[in-house]
Amino acid sequence: MALAAVSGRWTTLVLRELMGGPLGFSELRERLPELSAKVLSQRLRELCGRGLVSVERRRGFPVRTSYTLTGAGRALRPLLIELYATGEALLAAGRPRA
């Protein structure tokens, strides 16, 4: 179930960036420059739909949008840490020895 919550390309990276606190769309784009605006919008919508991210829109011009992890999103932190650690170990094991 937990892996289904973080499925999708770029999803874990978006969650990783939000682990540090609320961010606006532009800030997320700056931190993930390889990620297109279209895909970022899709991932954020999916994460909001899964209850992992909440969105706050503040009035004004321009409208400010802030994305924040929910309690359920923050609960994924140990899973994400383990996924990244396992990925690093697998990459290191596959590298030729010098």
Protein backbone atom coordinates (compact mmCIF):
# COMPACT_ATOMS: atom_id res chain seq x y z
CA MET A 1 0.00 0.00 0.00
CA ALA A 2 2.79 2.46 0.89
CA LEU A 3 4.59 1.84 -2.40
CA ALA A 4 1.37 2.47 -4.31
CA ALA A 5 1.14 5.85 -2.58
CA VAL A 6 4.53 6.91 -3.95
CA SER A 7 4.22 5.30 -7.37
CA GLY A 8 4.82 7.32 -10.49
CA ARG A 9 7.88 8.85 -11.99
CA TRP A 10 9.11 11.91 -10.07
CA THR A 11 6.67 11.33 -7.19
CA THR A 12 9.32 10.44 -4.63
CA LEU A 13 11.41 13.45 -5.63
CA VAL A 14 8.47 15.82 -5.20
CA LEU A 15 7.78 14.30 -1.78
CA ARG A 16 11.47 14.59 -0.87
CA GLU A 17 11.47 18.30 -1.64
CA LEU A 18 8.34 18.88 0.42
CA MET A 19 9.83 17.05 3.43
CA GLY A 20 11.70 20.26 4.26
CA GLY A 21 8.52 22.32 4.52
CA PRO A 22 5.97 24.11 2.36
CA LEU A 23 7.02 25.16 -1.13
CA GLY A 24 5.43 27.04 -3.97
CA PHE A 25 5.15 25.70 -7.50
CA SER A 26 8.04 27.88 -8.73
CA GLU A 27 10.26 26.74 -5.87
CA LEU A 28 9.56 23.10 -6.73
CA ARG A 29 10.39 23.82 -10.38
CA GLU A 30 13.71 25.38 -9.35
CA ARG A 31 14.60 22.39 -7.17
CA LEU A 32 13.60 19.87 -9.86
CA PRO A 33 14.67 21.57 -13.11
CA GLU A 34 14.49 18.36 -15.18
CA LEU A 35 10.79 18.03 -14.33
CA SER A 36 8.43 19.77 -16.75
CA ALA A 37 5.73 22.09 -15.41
CA LYS A 38 3.05 19.81 -16.86
CA VAL A 39 4.35 16.69 -15.09
CA LEU A 40 4.89 18.59 -11.83
CA SER A 41 1.28 19.79 -11.96
CA GLN A 42 0.10 16.23 -12.56
CA ARG A 43 2.16 14.83 -9.69
CA LEU A 44 0.95 17.51 -7.30
CA ARG A 45 -2.68 16.85 -8.27
CA GLU A 46 -2.17 13.11 -7.75
CA LEU A 47 -0.49 13.64 -4.38
CA CYS A 48 -3.30 15.94 -3.26
CA GLY A 49 -5.83 13.35 -4.42
CA ARG A 50 -4.03 10.66 -2.40
CA GLY A 51 -4.16 12.85 0.68
CA LEU A 52 -0.37 13.17 0.90
CA VAL A 53 -0.11 16.85 0.00
CA SER A 54 -2.36 19.80 0.75
CA VAL A 55 -2.52 22.99 -1.27
CA GLU A 56 -3.12 26.51 -0.01
CA ARG A 57 -3.91 29.35 -2.36
CA ARG A 58 -3.44 32.87 -1.01
CA ARG A 59 -5.28 35.73 -2.62
CA GLY A 60 -3.49 38.57 -4.24
CA PHE A 61 -1.72 39.21 -7.50
CA PRO A 62 -0.22 36.98 -8.44
CA VAL A 63 -2.04 34.25 -6.53
CA ARG A 64 0.44 32.42 -4.27
CA THR A 65 0.15 28.67 -4.06
CA SER A 66 1.87 26.65 -1.37
CA TYR A 67 2.14 22.86 -1.18
CA THR A 68 2.60 21.11 2.16
CA LEU A 69 2.84 17.49 3.20
CA THR A 70 -0.11 16.23 5.22
CA GLY A 71 0.36 13.97 8.23
CA ALA A 72 0.04 10.99 5.89
CA GLY A 73 2.69 12.48 3.61
CA ARG A 74 5.09 13.06 6.51
CA ALA A 75 4.51 9.47 7.64
CA LEU A 76 6.18 8.32 4.38
CA ARG A 77 9.55 9.78 5.46
CA PRO A 78 10.99 6.46 6.81
CA LEU A 79 9.89 4.67 3.64
CA LEU A 80 11.53 7.26 1.40
CA ILE A 81 14.76 7.18 3.42
CA GLU A 82 14.87 3.40 3.11
CA LEU A 83 14.10 3.51 -0.64
CA TYR A 84 16.93 5.97 -1.27
CA ALA A 85 19.37 4.00 0.91
CA THR A 86 18.48 0.75 -0.86
CA GLY A 87 18.84 2.42 -4.26
CA GLU A 88 22.29 3.75 -3.34
CA ALA A 89 23.38 0.32 -2.11
CA LEU A 90 22.17 -1.34 -5.30
CA LEU A 91 23.96 1.24 -7.43
CA ALA A 92 27.18 0.79 -5.44
CA ALA A 93 26.95 -3.00 -5.74
CA GLY A 94 26.62 -2.73 -9.52
CA ARG A 95 29.64 -0.45 -9.99
CA PRO A 96 32.88 -2.06 -11.08
CA ARG A 97 35.58 -2.11 -8.44
CA ALA A 98 38.64 0.06 -9.07
